[in-house]
Protein backbone atom coordinates (compact mmCIF):
# COMPACT_ATOMS: atom_id res chain seq x y z
CA MET A 1 84.17 77.34 90.82
CA GLY A 2 84.42 74.47 88.40
CA GLN A 3 87.51 74.90 87.18
CA PHE A 4 89.52 74.28 91.01
CA ILE A 5 90.33 70.96 92.18
CA SER A 6 87.78 70.18 94.99
CA THR A 7 89.68 69.96 98.01
CA SER A 8 87.45 67.05 99.70
CA SER A 9 88.82 64.67 96.90
CA SER A 10 92.34 65.68 96.06
CA ARG A 11 93.67 67.01 99.30
CA HIS A 12 96.50 64.73 98.84
CA SER A 13 96.72 64.26 95.78
CA SER A 14 100.37 66.05 95.57
CA HIS A 15 103.42 65.18 96.92
CA LEU A 16 103.57 69.11 97.55
CA LEU A 17 101.14 69.06 100.43
CA PRO A 18 101.72 67.92 103.85
CA SER A 19 100.62 64.73 104.76
CA PRO A 20 98.29 63.67 107.90
CA THR A 21 99.84 62.91 111.15
CA SER A 22 97.42 63.86 113.68
CA ASN A 23 93.76 64.81 114.97
CA SER A 24 94.58 66.29 117.48
CA THR A 25 92.45 70.13 117.99
CA SER A 26 95.23 71.53 119.95
CA HIS A 27 99.29 71.73 119.71
CA PRO A 28 100.39 68.87 121.91
CA GLN A 29 103.23 69.96 124.65
CA GLY A 30 106.63 69.28 123.09
CA LYS A 31 105.63 68.79 119.21
CA THR A 32 108.19 69.63 117.02
CA GLU A 33 108.45 72.17 113.99
CA ALA A 34 109.04 68.94 111.53
CA ASP A 35 105.45 67.79 113.43
CA ILE A 36 103.44 71.25 112.72
CA LEU A 37 104.72 71.90 109.20
CA LEU A 38 103.81 68.75 108.42
CA SER A 39 100.46 68.08 109.88
CA ASP A 40 97.32 68.29 107.78
CA SER A 41 94.50 68.80 110.77
CA SER A 42 91.95 71.74 110.51
CA SER A 43 93.14 72.95 113.99
CA GLU A 44 97.09 72.74 112.89
CA LEU A 45 96.59 74.71 110.10
CA GLU A 46 95.03 77.38 111.80
CA CYS A 47 97.02 80.20 112.16
CA PRO A 48 98.56 80.04 116.00
CA PHE A 49 98.52 83.95 116.24
CA SER A 50 94.93 84.10 115.33
CA ARG A 51 94.14 82.00 118.11
CA GLU A 52 96.33 84.07 120.79
CA ARG A 53 94.58 86.97 119.82
CA LYS A 54 91.40 85.40 120.34
CA ASN A 55 92.48 84.31 123.97
CA ASN A 56 93.52 88.19 124.58
CA ASP A 57 90.76 89.99 123.25
CA ASN A 58 90.34 92.19 126.12
CA ASP A 59 94.09 93.38 126.09
CA ASN A 60 94.33 97.13 125.91
CA ASP A 61 97.00 96.31 123.00
CA ASN A 62 94.06 95.01 120.87
CA GLU A 63 92.02 98.21 121.15
CA ASN A 64 95.14 100.49 120.20
CA SER A 65 96.16 98.33 117.04
CA LYS A 66 93.16 97.60 115.24
CA ASP A 67 95.13 97.68 111.91
CA THR A 68 97.93 94.87 112.78
CA ILE A 69 95.30 92.26 114.62
CA GLY A 70 96.26 89.03 113.43
CA LEU A 71 99.74 89.93 112.86
CA PRO A 72 102.08 87.39 114.72
CA LEU A 73 103.85 88.77 117.83
CA LEU A 74 107.65 88.79 116.97
CA LYS A 75 109.65 87.48 120.05
CA HIS A 76 113.50 87.77 117.96
CA ALA A 77 115.28 86.85 114.36
CA LYS A 78 117.77 85.06 113.96
CA GLY A 79 119.68 83.89 110.57
CA HIS A 80 116.96 83.41 107.88
CA TYR A 81 114.42 82.97 110.68
CA TYR A 82 111.85 85.22 112.62
CA HIS A 83 110.93 83.26 115.93
CA PRO A 84 107.16 84.60 116.91
CA VAL A 85 106.06 84.57 120.52
CA SER A 86 103.74 81.32 119.32
CA GLY A 87 104.24 78.97 117.30
CA PRO A 88 107.20 77.86 115.03
CA LYS A 89 110.19 79.83 113.35
CA ILE A 90 109.23 81.48 109.91
CA LEU A 91 111.56 80.84 107.09
CA ASP A 92 112.27 84.59 105.98
CA ALA A 93 112.18 84.32 101.84
CA CYS A 94 111.52 88.34 101.61
CA GLY A 95 113.30 90.08 104.00
CA GLY A 96 110.30 92.37 104.12
CA ALA A 97 109.58 94.27 100.54
CA GLY A 98 113.33 93.05 100.24
CA VAL A 99 115.25 94.81 102.77
CA ALA A 100 116.83 92.16 105.19
CA CYS A 101 119.82 91.30 102.50
CA LEU A 102 121.67 90.06 105.25
CA GLY A 103 119.26 88.08 107.52
CA HIS A 104 118.93 88.84 111.16
CA GLY A 105 120.31 89.04 114.50
CA LYS A 106 124.17 89.74 115.87
CA SER A 107 126.28 87.44 112.89
CA ASN A 108 127.14 90.88 111.10
CA LYS A 109 128.26 92.50 114.61
CA SER A 110 130.79 94.37 112.38
CA ILE A 111 127.79 96.52 111.35
CA ILE A 112 126.36 97.04 114.58
CA LYS A 113 129.92 97.84 116.07
CA ALA A 114 129.98 100.81 113.20
CA ILE A 115 126.70 101.87 114.51
CA ASN A 116 127.75 102.16 117.75
CA LYS A 117 130.84 103.77 117.23
CA GLN A 118 129.01 106.72 115.43
CA LEU A 119 126.59 107.33 117.92
CA LYS A 120 129.46 107.03 120.64
CA THR A 121 131.69 109.77 117.97
CA PHE A 122 128.58 112.00 117.57
CA GLN A 123 124.85 110.85 116.91
CA TYR A 124 123.93 114.01 114.90
CA ALA A 125 124.89 116.89 112.40
CA SER A 126 123.08 118.96 110.45
CA TYR A 127 123.92 118.61 106.93
CA ALA A 128 123.37 122.56 106.43
CA HIS A 129 126.15 123.17 109.16
CA PHE A 130 128.99 119.89 108.77
CA ARG A 131 130.25 117.81 106.55
CA VAL A 132 130.95 114.38 108.25
CA ASP A 133 133.43 111.70 107.11
CA PRO A 134 130.67 108.43 107.15
CA VAL A 135 128.55 110.68 104.44
CA LEU A 136 131.60 111.19 102.71
CA GLU A 137 132.87 107.76 102.92
CA LEU A 138 129.27 106.54 101.67
CA GLU A 139 128.96 108.99 98.45
CA LYS A 140 132.82 107.81 97.68
CA PHE A 141 132.05 104.24 98.27
CA LEU A 142 128.46 104.81 95.97
CA CYS A 143 130.10 106.64 93.18
CA GLU A 144 132.71 104.23 92.84
CA SER A 145 130.66 101.45 92.37
CA THR A 146 128.95 102.71 89.25
CA GLU A 147 132.37 102.73 87.58
CA GLY A 148 132.21 106.83 88.10
CA LYS A 149 128.71 107.19 86.27
CA MET A 150 127.57 108.92 89.63
CA GLY A 151 129.16 111.73 91.12
CA LYS A 152 127.13 113.01 93.65
CA MET A 153 124.90 111.75 96.78
CA TYR A 154 122.24 112.86 98.76
CA LEU A 155 121.37 110.77 101.83
CA MET A 156 117.95 110.20 103.11
CA CYS A 157 115.47 107.73 105.01
CA SER A 158 113.44 106.61 102.78
CA GLY A 159 112.47 105.56 98.92
CA SER A 160 109.53 107.96 98.47
CA GLU A 161 111.61 110.58 99.87
CA ALA A 162 114.69 109.78 97.71
CA VAL A 163 112.13 109.73 94.49
CA GLU A 164 110.45 113.01 95.68
CA ALA A 165 114.17 114.58 96.08
CA ALA A 166 114.56 112.77 92.12
CA LEU A 167 111.32 114.81 91.11
CA LYS A 168 112.48 117.82 92.60
CA PHE A 169 115.62 118.08 91.30
CA SER A 170 114.96 117.45 87.89
CA LEU A 171 112.77 120.95 87.66
CA GLU A 172 115.98 122.39 89.44
CA PHE A 173 118.30 121.19 87.04
CA HIS A 174 116.23 122.35 83.98
CA SER A 175 115.13 125.73 85.86
CA TRP A 176 119.39 126.10 86.05
CA ASN A 177 119.37 125.68 82.28
CA SER A 178 116.90 128.22 81.82
CA GLN A 179 114.59 125.54 81.01
CA PRO A 180 111.86 126.23 83.29
CA GLN A 181 108.98 125.10 80.87
CA ARG A 182 110.03 121.69 82.04
CA THR A 183 107.57 120.58 84.48
CA ASN A 184 106.30 117.54 82.83
CA ILE A 185 107.24 113.90 83.75
CA ILE A 186 106.80 110.92 81.79
CA THR A 187 106.32 107.48 83.97
CA ARG A 188 104.83 104.24 83.62
CA SER A 189 101.52 102.49 84.30
CA HIS A 190 101.52 99.82 86.86
CA SER A 191 104.52 101.31 88.39
CA TYR A 192 105.33 102.19 92.34
CA HIS A 193 107.30 104.93 93.44
CA GLY A 194 106.50 105.99 96.84
CA THR A 195 104.09 107.20 99.19
CA THR A 196 104.43 110.91 99.04
CA LEU A 197 102.03 112.98 96.99
CA GLY A 198 104.76 113.81 94.32
CA SER A 199 105.77 110.28 94.36
CA LEU A 200 102.22 108.77 94.25
CA SER A 201 101.52 110.95 91.40
CA ALA A 202 104.39 109.56 89.74
CA SER A 203 103.10 106.04 90.80
CA GLY A 204 100.98 104.34 88.15
CA HIS A 205 99.67 101.53 90.30
CA THR A 206 95.70 102.00 90.25
CA ALA A 207 95.01 100.52 93.90
CA ARG A 208 97.83 102.67 95.65
CA ARG A 209 96.69 106.00 93.92
CA GLN A 210 93.14 105.52 94.44
CA PRO A 211 92.20 106.38 97.99
CA PHE A 212 94.21 110.05 97.19
CA THR A 213 93.37 110.44 93.50
CA SER A 214 91.10 114.11 94.30
CA ILE A 215 95.03 115.28 95.59
CA LEU A 216 97.64 113.30 93.09
CA ASN A 217 98.83 115.84 90.20
CA THR A 218 97.52 114.69 86.91
CA THR A 219 98.41 118.00 85.27
CA HIS A 220 101.98 117.23 85.36
CA PHE A 221 102.37 113.22 85.33
CA HIS A 222 102.11 111.08 82.52
CA HIS A 223 101.99 107.38 82.56
CA LEU A 224 102.75 105.33 79.59
CA PRO A 225 101.90 101.25 79.31
CA PRO A 226 104.33 99.15 81.45
CA CYS A 227 107.54 96.99 79.76
CA ASN A 228 106.05 93.89 80.79
CA ILE A 229 106.33 91.40 77.64
CA TYR A 230 104.43 88.59 79.10
CA ARG A 231 101.18 90.86 79.12
CA SER A 232 102.03 91.68 74.93
CA SER A 233 100.05 90.53 72.33
CA SER A 234 101.35 87.26 71.12
CA SER A 235 100.88 88.75 67.69
CA LEU A 236 104.40 90.58 68.42
CA SER A 237 108.20 89.56 68.18
CA PRO A 238 110.10 90.78 71.28
CA ASP A 239 111.50 93.27 68.40
CA GLY A 240 108.21 94.58 67.65
CA TYR A 241 107.17 94.72 71.06
CA LEU A 242 110.42 96.67 71.87
CA ALA A 243 109.61 99.36 68.89
CA GLU A 244 105.69 99.32 69.73
CA GLN A 245 107.08 100.51 73.69
CA ILE A 246 109.61 103.28 71.96
CA THR A 247 106.87 104.40 69.83
CA HIS A 248 104.18 104.58 72.66
CA LEU A 249 107.33 106.73 74.64
CA ASP A 250 108.12 109.27 71.08
CA SER A 251 104.53 109.65 70.55
CA LEU A 252 103.96 110.79 74.38
CA PHE A 253 107.11 113.08 74.49
CA ARG A 254 105.70 114.58 70.78
CA SER A 255 102.28 115.22 72.24
CA LEU A 256 103.19 117.19 75.19
CA GLY A 257 105.67 119.30 73.26
CA PRO A 258 109.30 117.58 73.73
CA GLU A 259 110.34 120.83 75.07
CA THR A 260 107.79 120.92 78.34
CA VAL A 261 109.41 117.36 79.90
CA ALA A 262 111.66 117.15 82.62
CA ALA A 263 112.26 113.34 82.89
CA VAL A 264 111.13 109.97 82.27
CA VAL A 265 111.39 107.72 85.58
CA LEU A 266 111.27 104.28 85.24
CA GLU A 267 112.27 100.81 87.54
CA PRO A 268 114.79 98.94 85.92
CA ILE A 269 113.33 95.73 87.07
CA VAL A 270 109.52 96.41 88.49
CA GLY A 271 109.10 95.78 92.07
CA ALA A 272 105.79 95.43 93.83
CA ALA A 273 103.95 96.69 91.08
CA LEU A 274 104.32 94.08 88.43
CA GLY A 275 106.37 91.49 90.49
CA CYS A 276 110.08 91.72 89.11
CA ALA A 277 109.30 92.41 85.87
CA PRO A 278 112.99 93.21 83.79
CA ALA A 279 113.17 96.00 81.41
CA ILE A 280 113.52 93.78 77.75
CA PRO A 281 116.83 93.68 75.92
CA GLY A 282 117.02 97.18 73.92
CA TYR A 283 114.37 99.48 76.31
CA LEU A 284 116.59 100.98 78.62
CA SER A 285 119.36 102.09 75.67
CA SER A 286 116.31 103.13 73.76
CA VAL A 287 115.02 104.87 76.42
CA LYS A 288 117.76 106.90 77.30
CA ARG A 289 118.25 107.86 73.45
CA LEU A 290 115.19 109.42 73.33
CA CYS A 291 115.63 111.16 76.47
CA ARG A 292 119.04 112.81 74.99
CA LYS A 293 117.01 113.71 71.78
CA HIS A 294 114.54 115.39 73.63
CA GLY A 295 116.53 116.88 76.05
CA ALA A 296 114.99 115.22 79.09
CA LEU A 297 116.41 113.71 81.97
CA LEU A 298 116.43 109.40 82.81
CA ILE A 299 115.59 108.81 86.11
CA TYR A 300 115.77 105.69 87.83
CA ASP A 301 114.26 104.32 90.39
CA GLU A 302 116.42 101.21 92.23
CA VAL A 303 114.96 101.32 95.47
CA MET A 304 113.43 97.84 95.28
CA CYS A 305 115.30 96.64 92.74
CA GLY A 306 119.19 97.69 93.55
CA MET A 307 121.97 97.51 95.80
CA GLY A 308 122.71 93.75 94.64
CA ARG A 309 119.43 92.79 94.49
CA SER A 310 119.17 91.83 91.35
CA SER A 311 123.03 90.75 90.60
CA ALA A 312 123.34 88.26 87.67
CA SER A 313 126.16 88.84 85.82
CA SER A 314 129.87 87.22 86.48
CA SER A 315 131.20 91.09 86.72
CA HIS A 316 129.02 91.03 90.45
CA HIS A 317 127.63 95.06 89.82
CA LEU A 318 125.60 96.54 92.82
CA HIS A 319 123.03 98.36 90.90
CA ALA A 320 120.30 96.85 88.38
CA TRP A 321 121.02 98.46 85.09
CA GLN A 322 124.61 97.37 85.68
CA SER A 323 123.16 93.94 85.01
CA PHE A 324 121.89 94.83 81.64
CA PRO A 325 124.38 93.84 78.90
CA GLU A 326 123.31 96.75 76.65
CA SER A 327 125.97 99.91 77.09
CA ASP A 328 125.35 103.55 77.87
CA ILE A 329 122.58 102.92 79.93
CA SER A 330 123.86 104.65 83.04
CA PRO A 331 120.78 107.64 84.28
CA ASP A 332 120.94 110.89 85.44
CA LEU A 333 119.34 110.42 88.50
CA GLN A 334 118.85 107.02 90.40
CA THR A 335 117.06 105.55 93.86
CA ILE A 336 118.75 103.66 96.11
CA ALA A 337 116.89 101.97 99.31
CA LYS A 338 115.93 98.79 101.06
CA GLY A 339 118.86 96.54 100.80
CA PHE A 340 121.11 100.18 100.84
CA GLY A 341 121.02 99.41 104.67
CA ALA A 342 119.78 96.20 105.21
CA GLY A 343 116.98 97.22 107.57
CA TYR A 344 119.74 98.28 110.41
CA LEU A 345 118.61 102.01 109.96
CA PRO A 346 116.50 103.71 107.53
CA ALA A 347 118.55 103.93 104.49
CA ALA A 348 118.09 105.85 100.94
CA ALA A 349 119.77 107.88 98.86
CA LEU A 350 119.22 110.22 95.49
CA LEU A 351 122.58 109.71 93.22
CA ILE A 352 123.12 112.50 90.56
CA SER A 353 125.47 111.70 87.59
CA SER A 354 129.10 112.99 87.48
CA PRO A 355 128.20 115.63 84.43
CA MET A 356 125.40 116.65 86.76
CA ALA A 357 127.71 116.82 89.58
CA GLU A 358 130.40 118.87 87.63
CA PHE A 359 127.63 121.27 86.69
CA MET A 360 126.42 122.04 89.86
CA THR A 361 130.12 123.00 91.17
CA ARG A 362 130.84 124.77 87.88
CA ARG A 363 128.03 127.05 88.38
CA ASN A 364 128.00 126.59 91.84
CA LYS A 365 124.30 125.47 92.26
CA THR A 366 122.43 124.36 95.30
CA PHE A 367 119.94 121.96 95.10
CA THR A 368 116.60 123.47 97.15
CA HIS A 369 115.83 120.42 99.08
CA GLY A 370 116.18 119.61 102.69
CA HIS A 371 115.19 117.14 105.13
CA THR A 372 115.84 117.28 109.08
CA TYR A 373 117.93 113.66 109.16
CA GLN A 374 119.52 114.25 105.34
CA SER A 375 122.94 113.24 105.05
CA HIS A 376 122.55 111.50 108.83
CA PRO A 377 126.19 110.47 109.97
CA VAL A 378 124.89 107.34 112.21
CA VAL A 379 122.69 106.26 108.45
CA ALA A 380 126.03 106.87 106.89
CA ALA A 381 128.04 104.38 109.21
CA GLY A 382 125.29 101.81 108.85
CA ALA A 383 125.03 101.71 105.56
CA LEU A 384 128.44 102.09 104.51
CA ALA A 385 129.09 98.79 107.16
CA VAL A 386 126.44 96.83 105.29
CA GLN A 387 128.02 97.50 101.92
CA ARG A 388 131.49 96.73 103.00
CA MET A 389 130.19 93.60 104.74
CA ILE A 390 128.63 92.80 101.14
CA GLN A 391 131.65 93.36 99.51
CA LYS A 392 133.94 91.34 101.60
CA ARG A 393 131.70 88.38 102.37
CA HIS A 394 131.65 88.51 98.29
CA LEU A 395 128.04 88.10 98.42
CA LEU A 396 127.30 89.70 94.99
CA GLY A 397 128.39 86.56 93.55
CA ASN A 398 125.92 84.32 95.69
CA VAL A 399 123.36 86.57 94.79
CA ARG A 400 123.73 85.62 91.19
CA ARG A 401 124.47 81.75 92.18
CA GLN A 402 121.32 81.64 94.42
CA GLY A 403 119.48 83.45 92.33
CA GLU A 404 120.02 80.99 89.31
CA LEU A 405 119.14 78.10 91.71
CA LEU A 406 116.27 79.87 93.06
CA MET A 407 114.74 80.33 89.25
CA ALA A 408 115.02 76.78 88.24
CA GLU A 409 113.69 75.26 92.12
CA LEU A 410 110.58 77.60 91.29
CA LYS A 411 110.10 76.74 87.74
CA ALA A 412 110.56 72.80 88.13
CA LYS A 413 107.94 72.54 91.29
CA LEU A 414 105.26 75.74 89.89
CA GLY A 415 106.15 75.86 86.16
CA GLY A 416 103.73 73.55 84.97
CA HIS A 417 101.05 74.83 87.71
CA ARG A 418 98.06 75.58 85.39
CA HIS A 419 97.53 78.87 87.87
CA VAL A 420 100.90 80.18 87.29
CA GLY A 421 101.41 82.55 84.70
CA ASP A 422 105.09 83.33 85.02
CA ILE A 423 108.02 83.20 87.00
CA ARG A 424 110.39 86.00 86.35
CA GLY A 425 113.02 88.52 87.98
CA ARG A 426 116.76 88.31 88.46
CA GLY A 427 119.13 87.83 91.05
CA LEU A 428 117.78 86.72 93.84
CA PHE A 429 114.26 89.28 93.01
CA ILE A 430 111.57 86.75 91.68
CA GLY A 431 108.29 87.13 91.17
CA ILE A 432 105.57 84.39 90.33
CA GLU A 433 102.26 85.44 88.68
CA PHE A 434 98.67 83.41 89.47
CA VAL A 435 96.37 83.55 86.71
CA ARG A 436 93.16 82.15 86.00
CA ASP A 437 93.61 81.05 82.62
CA LYS A 438 97.38 80.22 81.76
CA GLU A 439 96.80 79.98 77.97
CA THR A 440 95.06 83.50 77.77
CA LYS A 441 96.32 84.85 80.56
CA THR A 442 93.50 86.06 81.74
CA PRO A 443 94.06 87.60 85.74
CA PHE A 444 91.91 86.85 88.78
CA GLU A 445 88.67 89.27 89.89
CA ARG A 446 90.70 91.77 92.37
CA GLU A 447 88.26 90.39 95.15
CA MET A 448 89.90 86.96 95.36
CA ASP A 449 92.77 88.49 96.80
CA ILE A 450 95.02 85.25 95.70
CA ALA A 451 98.26 86.54 96.68
CA GLY A 452 97.40 87.79 99.83
CA ARG A 453 95.42 84.16 100.45
CA VAL A 454 99.27 82.55 98.82
CA HIS A 455 101.30 84.79 101.26
CA ARG A 456 98.32 83.65 104.54
CA CYS A 457 98.69 80.13 103.90
CA ALA A 458 102.35 79.99 102.96
CA VAL A 459 103.57 82.25 106.87
CA THR A 460 100.66 80.06 108.54
CA ASN A 461 100.40 76.36 107.32
CA TRP A 462 104.27 76.73 105.59
CA ARG A 463 105.83 78.86 107.72
CA VAL A 464 107.54 80.79 105.19
CA LEU A 465 107.39 84.52 104.16
CA VAL A 466 106.72 86.16 101.31
CA TYR A 467 105.50 89.50 99.78
CA ALA A 468 101.90 89.38 97.82
CA SER A 469 101.54 92.11 95.65
CA GLN A 470 98.39 93.05 93.36
CA GLY A 471 97.60 95.04 90.26
CA CYS A 472 100.21 94.24 87.77
CA ALA A 473 97.80 92.62 85.23
CA ASP A 474 95.32 95.82 84.06
CA GLU A 475 94.13 99.15 85.40
CA LYS A 476 91.28 97.68 87.33
CA GLY A 477 93.81 96.48 89.57
CA ARG A 478 93.96 92.84 88.53
CA GLY A 479 96.66 90.46 88.54
CA ASP A 480 98.35 88.90 91.73
CA ALA A 481 102.05 88.15 92.19
CA ILE A 482 104.09 86.99 94.97
CA MET A 483 107.74 87.90 95.20
CA VAL A 484 110.54 86.06 96.42
CA MET A 485 113.41 87.90 97.80
CA PRO A 486 115.75 86.30 100.12
CA ALA A 487 118.79 87.62 101.62
CA TYR A 488 122.09 87.48 99.85
CA ASP A 489 123.80 85.09 102.24
CA VAL A 490 121.27 82.24 101.64
CA THR A 491 122.52 78.61 101.19
CA ALA A 492 121.32 76.43 98.63
CA LYS A 493 119.80 74.69 101.19
CA GLU A 494 117.82 77.19 102.59
CA ILE A 495 116.84 78.42 98.67
CA LYS A 496 115.46 74.58 98.27
CA GLU A 497 113.83 74.69 101.35
CA MET A 498 112.52 78.13 100.48
CA ALA A 499 111.19 76.59 97.21
CA ARG A 500 109.20 73.68 98.49
CA ARG A 501 107.64 75.56 101.07
CA ILE A 502 106.30 78.46 98.73
CA ALA A 503 105.03 75.55 95.99
CA GLY A 504 103.33 73.83 98.78
CA ALA A 505 101.40 77.19 99.94
CA VAL A 506 100.31 78.10 96.25
CA GLU A 507 99.29 74.42 95.66
CA GLU A 508 97.42 74.28 98.60
CA VAL A 509 95.74 77.48 98.02
CA PHE A 510 94.42 76.15 94.61
CA LEU A 511 93.30 73.13 95.80
CA MET A 512 91.28 74.90 98.36
CA LEU A 513 89.61 77.52 96.15
């Protein structure tokens, strides 16, 4: 393709790319990580994991794990590095999908101790039969972290479960209030809320919906354009764009019939579907005003962006909606996961606003919902220990400081790149969107898999792990972005190293196209 730089003539034109140090066709014994990272020979830029797999094609494991062929076999993880069985260690710049917010290994002994203590006390007690201290303490902690805006917690095991529960709760709440006709849910296109049929119906991400469209609910789920100012019309001012967004929402309310709408669902900072796109100033407060006007509930999906991930204010708030300067934007329902449990155990929760919790108590109402492992005591003990560790080490302040540094480093290294359209986000929740044309913001075709290429190059050649995402640009599933989501205790030195390696991978991918 003519607009791309030829790799044959320009391979060494940038200081970001590795310099040639060896023409060897294999990894010599005793070679250091730095030697491999700096090597430019074709063999040493090849993924060591693919070579390992080729040498073991007859292994029984390969027959039973076709979905994971080519993935590195992990030996152990420590700090902010993964150590695979083969090849150099990998710098973790994304924590999976923003999960491992405290890094890896045994450094956080108090968390492991809390989990083990609960296991020795009792490993399970059904939420339908008992109240347990870990769950009650965790609920108290979470409600206090919202400054009393939220008043009740349902503890679960995944973000999809939490979103599914939020959708069901909104319907039942209206039924309690003699409004059973409120069955419509308003969400946004280019959104992703989970893998279950309800949460996927709420999602507007084309590619993730496509295999299941025949059974998704299209009668009661209605999608608005996303709040993504990067892809707004260039003729609109921020105020004009906000007015357009709210007009769309109000029009949809009126089209459906305001009395039929149960809830509006959105991510305050959109994660995987848009690549860390924050709501613009005034958007959340305007959406909440419309919900109040029309009697609908407001649901924030903070599965990915919440629990400290996007902390960006001097107040060091835990929840994404608290990082916005607007007043009175707390939700009626809120889902949390990922950084909630830091990957120690599968932890998620649905939070209910204080007025709604008080209504349930006053009217003696019980949510018709339950999972076998709901309110699991060991999950609660682990999640509470994680949150106390974040609090004890003052890590939300570090999220803000290192997030500012990460944004500055990425913009300095990649902001001028002709195929980097936007670098956005908040706290340690940063997205980089790639475009074919920077002026027109034209995305690459989906089949080119630019985000996937950057991810593979980053982990293979630059030994840094980033999260790849597609579908942020249009309804065709086009739009490539990578997300950078380091652990909350990351250091400035590690941030700079992550930015260096990520920039190197980005430049290498576009030089090789």
